[in-house]
PDB file of N, CA and C in Angstrom:
ATOM      1  N   MET A   1      20.394   9.250  19.575  1.00  0.00           N
ATOM      2  CA  MET A   1      18.664   8.053  19.796  1.00  0.00           C
ATOM      3  C   MET A   1      18.627   8.454  18.538  1.00  0.00           C
ATOM      4  N   THR A   2      17.988   7.282  17.897  1.00  0.00           N
ATOM      5  CA  THR A   2      17.073   7.224  17.288  1.00  0.00           C
ATOM      6  C   THR A   2      15.747   6.569  16.859  1.00  0.00           C
ATOM      7  N   THR A   3      15.037   7.531  17.194  1.00  0.00           N
ATOM      8  CA  THR A   3      13.735   7.017  16.445  1.00  0.00           C
ATOM      9  C   THR A   3      12.469   6.193  15.611  1.00  0.00           C
ATOM     10  N   LYS A   4      12.462   5.166  15.892  1.00  0.00           N
ATOM     11  CA  LYS A   4      11.429   4.509  14.304  1.00  0.00           C
ATOM     12  C   LYS A   4       9.910   4.927  14.595  1.00  0.00           C
ATOM     13  N   VAL A   5      10.091   5.184  13.575  1.00  0.00           N
ATOM     14  CA  VAL A   5       8.183   5.407  13.616  1.00  0.00           C
ATOM     15  C   VAL A   5       7.284   4.727  12.730  1.00  0.00           C
ATOM     16  N   VAL A   6       6.363   4.323  13.320  1.00  0.00           N
ATOM     17  CA  VAL A   6       5.946   3.255  12.745  1.00  0.00           C
ATOM     18  C   VAL A   6       4.295   3.626  12.526  1.00  0.00           C
ATOM     19  N   LYS A   7       3.870   3.336  11.277  1.00  0.00           N
ATOM     20  CA  LYS A   7       2.957   4.046  10.988  1.00  0.00           C
ATOM     21  C   LYS A   7       1.667   2.415  11.144  1.00  0.00           C
ATOM     22  N   SER A   8       0.555   2.861  11.544  1.00  0.00           N
ATOM     23  CA  SER A   8      -0.545   1.204  10.829  1.00  0.00           C
ATOM     24  C   SER A   8      -1.062   1.318  10.238  1.00  0.00           C
ATOM     25  N   ILE A   9      -1.760   0.275   8.711  1.00  0.00           N
ATOM     26  CA  ILE A   9      -1.511   0.145   8.528  1.00  0.00           C
ATOM     27  C   ILE A   9      -3.341   1.117   7.447  1.00  0.00           C
ATOM     28  N   GLU A  10      -3.478   1.722   8.670  1.00  0.00           N
ATOM     29  CA  GLU A  10      -4.855   2.045   8.211  1.00  0.00           C
ATOM     30  C   GLU A  10      -4.054   4.100   8.019  1.00  0.00           C
ATOM     31  N   GLU A  11      -3.085   4.823   9.255  1.00  0.00           N
ATOM     32  CA  GLU A  11      -2.150   5.731   8.321  1.00  0.00           C
ATOM     33  C   GLU A  11      -1.855   5.485   7.322  1.00  0.00           C
ATOM     34  N   ILE A  12      -1.399   4.238   6.547  1.00  0.00           N
ATOM     35  CA  ILE A  12      -0.626   3.903   5.325  1.00  0.00           C
ATOM     36  C   ILE A  12      -2.027   4.041   4.509  1.00  0.00           C
ATOM     37  N   ALA A  13      -2.433   3.170   4.844  1.00  0.00           N
ATOM     38  CA  ALA A  13      -4.206   4.040   3.740  1.00  0.00           C
ATOM     39  C   ALA A  13      -4.436   4.155   3.721  1.00  0.00           C
ATOM     40  N   ILE A  14      -4.664   5.934   4.578  1.00  0.00           N
ATOM     41  CA  ILE A  14      -5.168   7.009   4.562  1.00  0.00           C
ATOM     42  C   ILE A  14      -4.264   7.763   3.884  1.00  0.00           C
ATOM     43  N   SER A  15      -2.631   7.921   3.667  1.00  0.00           N
ATOM     44  CA  SER A  15      -1.979   8.468   3.447  1.00  0.00           C
ATOM     45  C   SER A  15      -2.296   8.608   2.121  1.00  0.00           C
ATOM     46  N   LEU A  16      -1.996   7.512   0.954  1.00  0.00           N
ATOM     47  CA  LEU A  16      -2.245   6.712   0.232  1.00  0.00           C
ATOM     48  C   LEU A  16      -3.295   7.227  -0.314  1.00  0.00           C
ATOM     49  N   ALA A  17      -4.342   7.092   0.293  1.00  0.00           N
ATOM     50  CA  ALA A  17      -5.546   7.620  -0.296  1.00  0.00           C
ATOM     51  C   ALA A  17      -5.880   9.126  -0.417  1.00  0.00           C
ATOM     52  N   GLU A  18      -4.934  10.339   0.331  1.00  0.00           N
ATOM     53  CA  GLU A  18      -4.840  11.295   0.222  1.00  0.00           C
ATOM     54  C   GLU A  18      -3.634  11.517  -1.000  1.00  0.00           C
ATOM     55  N   LYS A  19      -3.090  10.873  -1.060  1.00  0.00           N
ATOM     56  CA  LYS A  19      -2.099  11.411  -2.749  1.00  0.00           C
ATOM     57  C   LYS A  19      -2.542  10.971  -3.674  1.00  0.00           C
ATOM     58  N   PHE A  20      -2.943   9.774  -3.889  1.00  0.00           N
ATOM     59  CA  PHE A  20      -4.366   9.912  -4.541  1.00  0.00           C
ATOM     60  C   PHE A  20      -5.458  10.199  -5.360  1.00  0.00           C
ATOM     61  N   LYS A  21      -5.630  10.982  -4.073  1.00  0.00           N
ATOM     62  CA  LYS A  21      -7.153  12.074  -5.141  1.00  0.00           C
ATOM     63  C   LYS A  21      -6.412  13.250  -5.203  1.00  0.00           C
ATOM     64  N   GLU A  22      -5.191  13.711  -4.905  1.00  0.00           N
ATOM     65  CA  GLU A  22      -4.543  15.040  -4.951  1.00  0.00           C
ATOM     66  C   GLU A  22      -4.636  14.672  -7.033  1.00  0.00           C
ATOM     67  N   THR A  23      -4.106  13.686  -7.270  1.00  0.00           N
ATOM     68  CA  THR A  23      -3.535  13.136  -8.807  1.00  0.00           C
ATOM     69  C   THR A  23      -4.449  12.464  -9.438  1.00  0.00           C
ATOM     70  N   ALA A  24      -5.815  12.588  -8.846  1.00  0.00           N
ATOM     71  CA  ALA A  24      -6.006  11.257  -9.945  1.00  0.00           C
ATOM     72  C   ALA A  24      -7.637  12.178 -11.358  1.00  0.00           C
ATOM     73  N   VAL A  25      -8.084  13.375 -10.963  1.00  0.00           N
ATOM     74  CA  VAL A  25      -7.898  14.115 -12.246  1.00  0.00           C
ATOM     75  C   VAL A  25      -7.726  14.852 -12.883  1.00  0.00           C
ATOM     76  N   THR A  26      -6.045  15.033 -12.347  1.00  0.00           N
ATOM     77  CA  THR A  26      -5.110  15.993 -13.539  1.00  0.00           C
ATOM     78  C   THR A  26      -4.874  14.449 -15.131  1.00  0.00           C
ATOM     79  N   ARG A  27      -4.299  13.121 -13.946  1.00  0.00           N
ATOM     80  CA  ARG A  27      -4.212  11.642 -13.925  1.00  0.00           C
ATOM     81  C   ARG A  27      -5.294  11.146 -15.454  1.00  0.00           C
ATOM     82  N   ASP A  28      -6.694  11.482 -15.030  1.00  0.00           N
ATOM     83  CA  ASP A  28      -7.764  10.792 -15.969  1.00  0.00           C
ATOM     84  C   ASP A  28      -8.462  12.018 -17.184  1.00  0.00           C
ATOM     85  N   GLN A  29      -7.491  12.708 -16.317  1.00  0.00           N
ATOM     86  CA  GLN A  29      -7.906  14.079 -17.489  1.00  0.00           C
ATOM     87  C   GLN A  29      -6.536  14.422 -18.989  1.00  0.00           C
ATOM     88  N   ALA A  30      -4.902  13.862 -18.539  1.00  0.00           N
ATOM     89  CA  ALA A  30      -4.193  13.487 -19.544  1.00  0.00           C
ATOM     90  C   ALA A  30      -4.008  12.711 -20.456  1.00  0.00           C
ATOM     91  N   GLY A  31      -4.973  10.870 -19.426  1.00  0.00           N
ATOM     92  CA  GLY A  31      -5.139   9.667 -20.086  1.00  0.00           C
ATOM     93  C   GLY A  31      -3.900   9.083 -19.333  1.00  0.00           C
ATOM     94  N   GLY A  32      -3.334   9.746 -18.677  1.00  0.00           N
ATOM     95  CA  GLY A  32      -1.728   8.581 -18.484  1.00  0.00           C
ATOM     96  C   GLY A  32      -2.489   7.745 -17.233  1.00  0.00           C
ATOM     97  N   ASN A  33      -1.798   6.558 -16.531  1.00  0.00           N
ATOM     98  CA  ASN A  33      -2.113   5.210 -16.945  1.00  0.00           C
ATOM     99  C   ASN A  33      -1.461   5.600 -14.576  1.00  0.00           C
ATOM    100  N   ALA A  34      -0.876   5.037 -13.551  1.00  0.00           N
ATOM    101  CA  ALA A  34      -1.349   4.217 -12.147  1.00  0.00           C
ATOM    102  C   ALA A  34      -0.014   4.088 -12.089  1.00  0.00           C
ATOM    103  N   LYS A  35       1.311   4.512 -12.641  1.00  0.00           N
ATOM    104  CA  LYS A  35       1.736   3.502 -12.295  1.00  0.00           C
ATOM    105  C   LYS A  35       2.818   3.884 -11.252  1.00  0.00           C
ATOM    106  N   ASN A  36       2.532   5.266 -10.949  1.00  0.00           N
ATOM    107  CA  ASN A  36       3.683   6.518  -9.718  1.00  0.00           C
ATOM    108  C   ASN A  36       2.546   5.853  -8.803  1.00  0.00           C
ATOM    109  N   GLU A  37       1.474   5.469  -9.156  1.00  0.00           N
ATOM    110  CA  GLU A  37       0.476   4.832  -6.942  1.00  0.00           C
ATOM    111  C   GLU A  37       0.926   3.235  -7.324  1.00  0.00           C
ATOM    112  N   ARG A  38       0.979   3.046  -8.366  1.00  0.00           N
ATOM    113  CA  ARG A  38       0.506   1.785  -8.054  1.00  0.00           C
ATOM    114  C   ARG A  38       2.861   1.597  -7.311  1.00  0.00           C
ATOM    115  N   ASP A  39       3.724   1.898  -7.628  1.00  0.00           N
ATOM    116  CA  ASP A  39       4.593   1.962  -7.134  1.00  0.00           C
ATOM    117  C   ASP A  39       5.146   2.120  -5.042  1.00  0.00           C
ATOM    118  N   LEU A  40       3.865   3.572  -5.674  1.00  0.00           N
ATOM    119  CA  LEU A  40       3.225   3.666  -4.009  1.00  0.00           C
ATOM    120  C   LEU A  40       2.616   2.758  -2.858  1.00  0.00           C
ATOM    121  N   ILE A  41       1.767   2.392  -4.091  1.00  0.00           N
ATOM    122  CA  ILE A  41       1.065   1.032  -2.975  1.00  0.00           C
ATOM    123  C   ILE A  41       2.132   0.142  -2.854  1.00  0.00           C
ATOM    124  N   ARG A  42       3.354   0.038  -3.355  1.00  0.00           N
ATOM    125  CA  ARG A  42       3.964  -1.609  -3.413  1.00  0.00           C
ATOM    126  C   ARG A  42       4.531  -0.743  -2.252  1.00  0.00           C
ATOM    127  N   ASP A  43       6.040   0.387  -2.260  1.00  0.00           N
ATOM    128  CA  ASP A  43       6.884   0.172  -1.696  1.00  0.00           C
ATOM    129  C   ASP A  43       6.032   0.208  -0.417  1.00  0.00           C
ATOM    130  N   SER A  44       5.059   0.925   0.693  1.00  0.00           N
ATOM    131  CA  SER A  44       3.474   0.810   1.505  1.00  0.00           C
ATOM    132  C   SER A  44       4.103  -0.663   2.435  1.00  0.00           C
ATOM    133  N   GLY A  45       4.346  -1.040   1.474  1.00  0.00           N
ATOM    134  CA  GLY A  45       4.606  -2.740   2.168  1.00  0.00           C
ATOM    135  C   GLY A  45       2.732  -2.858   2.233  1.00  0.00           C
ATOM    136  N   LEU A  46       1.624  -2.259   1.967  1.00  0.00           N
ATOM    137  CA  LEU A  46       0.221  -3.070   2.487  1.00  0.00           C
ATOM    138  C   LEU A  46       0.171  -3.813   1.169  1.00  0.00           C
ATOM    139  N   LEU A  47       0.681  -4.452   0.342  1.00  0.00           N
ATOM    140  CA  LEU A  47       0.555  -5.424  -0.126  1.00  0.00           C
ATOM    141  C   LEU A  47       0.858  -7.195   0.281  1.00  0.00           C
ATOM    142  N   LYS A  48       1.956  -7.050   0.484  1.00  0.00           N
ATOM    143  CA  LYS A  48       2.015  -8.058   2.024  1.00  0.00           C
ATOM    144  C   LYS A  48       1.243  -8.017   2.738  1.00  0.00           C
ATOM    145  N   LEU A  49       0.231  -7.768   3.150  1.00  0.00           N
ATOM    146  CA  LEU A  49      -0.434  -8.314   3.897  1.00  0.00           C
ATOM    147  C   LEU A  49      -1.785  -8.922   3.332  1.00  0.00           C
ATOM    148  N   LEU A  50      -1.891  -9.131   1.752  1.00  0.00           N
ATOM    149  CA  LEU A  50      -2.508  -9.534   1.129  1.00  0.00           C
ATOM    150  C   LEU A  50      -2.174 -11.431   0.473  1.00  0.00           C
ATOM    151  N   ILE A  51      -0.298 -10.857   0.992  1.00  0.00           N
ATOM    152  CA  ILE A  51      -0.042 -12.722   0.563  1.00  0.00           C
ATOM    153  C   ILE A  51       0.141 -13.307   1.718  1.00  0.00           C
ATOM    154  N   PRO A  52      -0.472 -14.705   1.571  1.00  0.00           N
ATOM    155  CA  PRO A  52      -0.632 -15.774   3.312  1.00  0.00           C
ATOM    156  C   PRO A  52       0.890 -16.135   2.833  1.00  0.00           C
ATOM    157  N   ARG A  53       0.645 -17.049   4.172  1.00  0.00           N
ATOM    158  CA  ARG A  53       2.376 -17.731   4.419  1.00  0.00           C
ATOM    159  C   ARG A  53       1.826 -18.958   5.070  1.00  0.00           C
ATOM    160  N   GLY A  54       3.032 -19.695   4.592  1.00  0.00           N
ATOM    161  CA  GLY A  54       2.469 -21.166   5.138  1.00  0.00           C
ATOM    162  C   GLY A  54       2.459 -22.103   4.151  1.00  0.00           C
ATOM    163  N   THR A  55       2.905 -23.298   4.343  1.00  0.00           N
ATOM    164  CA  THR A  55       2.644 -24.520   3.283  1.00  0.00           C
ATOM    165  C   THR A  55       2.128 -25.130   2.656  1.00  0.00           C
ATOM    166  N   SER A  56       0.327 -25.099   3.661  1.00  0.00           N
ATOM    167  CA  SER A  56      -0.433 -25.696   2.857  1.00  0.00           C
ATOM    168  C   SER A  56      -2.102 -24.616   3.759  1.00  0.00           C
ATOM    169  N   MET A  57      -2.820 -24.656   2.930  1.00  0.00           N
ATOM    170  CA  MET A  57      -3.153 -23.563   3.276  1.00  0.00           C
ATOM    171  C   MET A  57      -4.610 -24.319   4.596  1.00  0.00           C
ATOM    172  N   VAL A  58      -4.725 -25.109   5.554  1.00  0.00           N
ATOM    173  CA  VAL A  58      -4.864 -24.955   6.857  1.00  0.00           C
ATOM    174  C   VAL A  58      -4.089 -23.948   8.120  1.00  0.00           C
ATOM    175  N   LYS A  59      -2.307 -23.294   7.772  1.00  0.00           N
ATOM    176  CA  LYS A  59      -1.758 -23.131   8.033  1.00  0.00           C
ATOM    177  C   LYS A  59      -1.198 -21.794   7.141  1.00  0.00           C
ATOM    178  N   TRP A  60      -2.097 -21.395   6.730  1.00  0.00           N
ATOM    179  CA  TRP A  60      -1.676 -20.251   6.427  1.00  0.00           C
ATOM    180  C   TRP A  60      -1.857 -18.599   7.536  1.00  0.00           C
ATOM    181  N   THR A  61      -1.032 -18.006   7.563  1.00  0.00           N
ATOM    182  CA  THR A  61      -1.156 -16.980   8.671  1.00  0.00           C
ATOM    183  C   THR A  61      -0.816 -15.769   7.595  1.00  0.00           C
ATOM    184  N   PHE A  62      -1.225 -14.436   8.052  1.00  0.00           N
ATOM    185  CA  PHE A  62      -1.228 -12.978   7.475  1.00  0.00           C
ATOM    186  C   PHE A  62      -0.724 -11.837   7.785  1.00  0.00           C
ATOM    187  N   PHE A  63      -0.106 -12.265   9.202  1.00  0.00           N
ATOM    188  CA  PHE A  63       0.584 -11.646   9.904  1.00  0.00           C
ATOM    189  C   PHE A  63       1.740 -12.193  10.430  1.00  0.00           C
ATOM    190  N   ASN A  64       3.324 -12.060  10.564  1.00  0.00           N
ATOM    191  CA  ASN A  64       3.605 -12.713  11.137  1.00  0.00           C
ATOM    192  C   ASN A  64       4.961 -11.331  12.505  1.00  0.00           C
TER     193      ASN A  64
END
């Protein structure tokens, strides 16, 4: 039996923020970029929440 674990949007955002907090100072001091963090955001699915769907502005929906 498999159980699918679904995290809420808030849980995903908090998890990402905690990961970013761990690496921010080191990354900034090293003069690096945030590519790994951007990839984590993309992989989380949170960006899809910002892309409206539909063919006209009147019919846009944000959740399906």
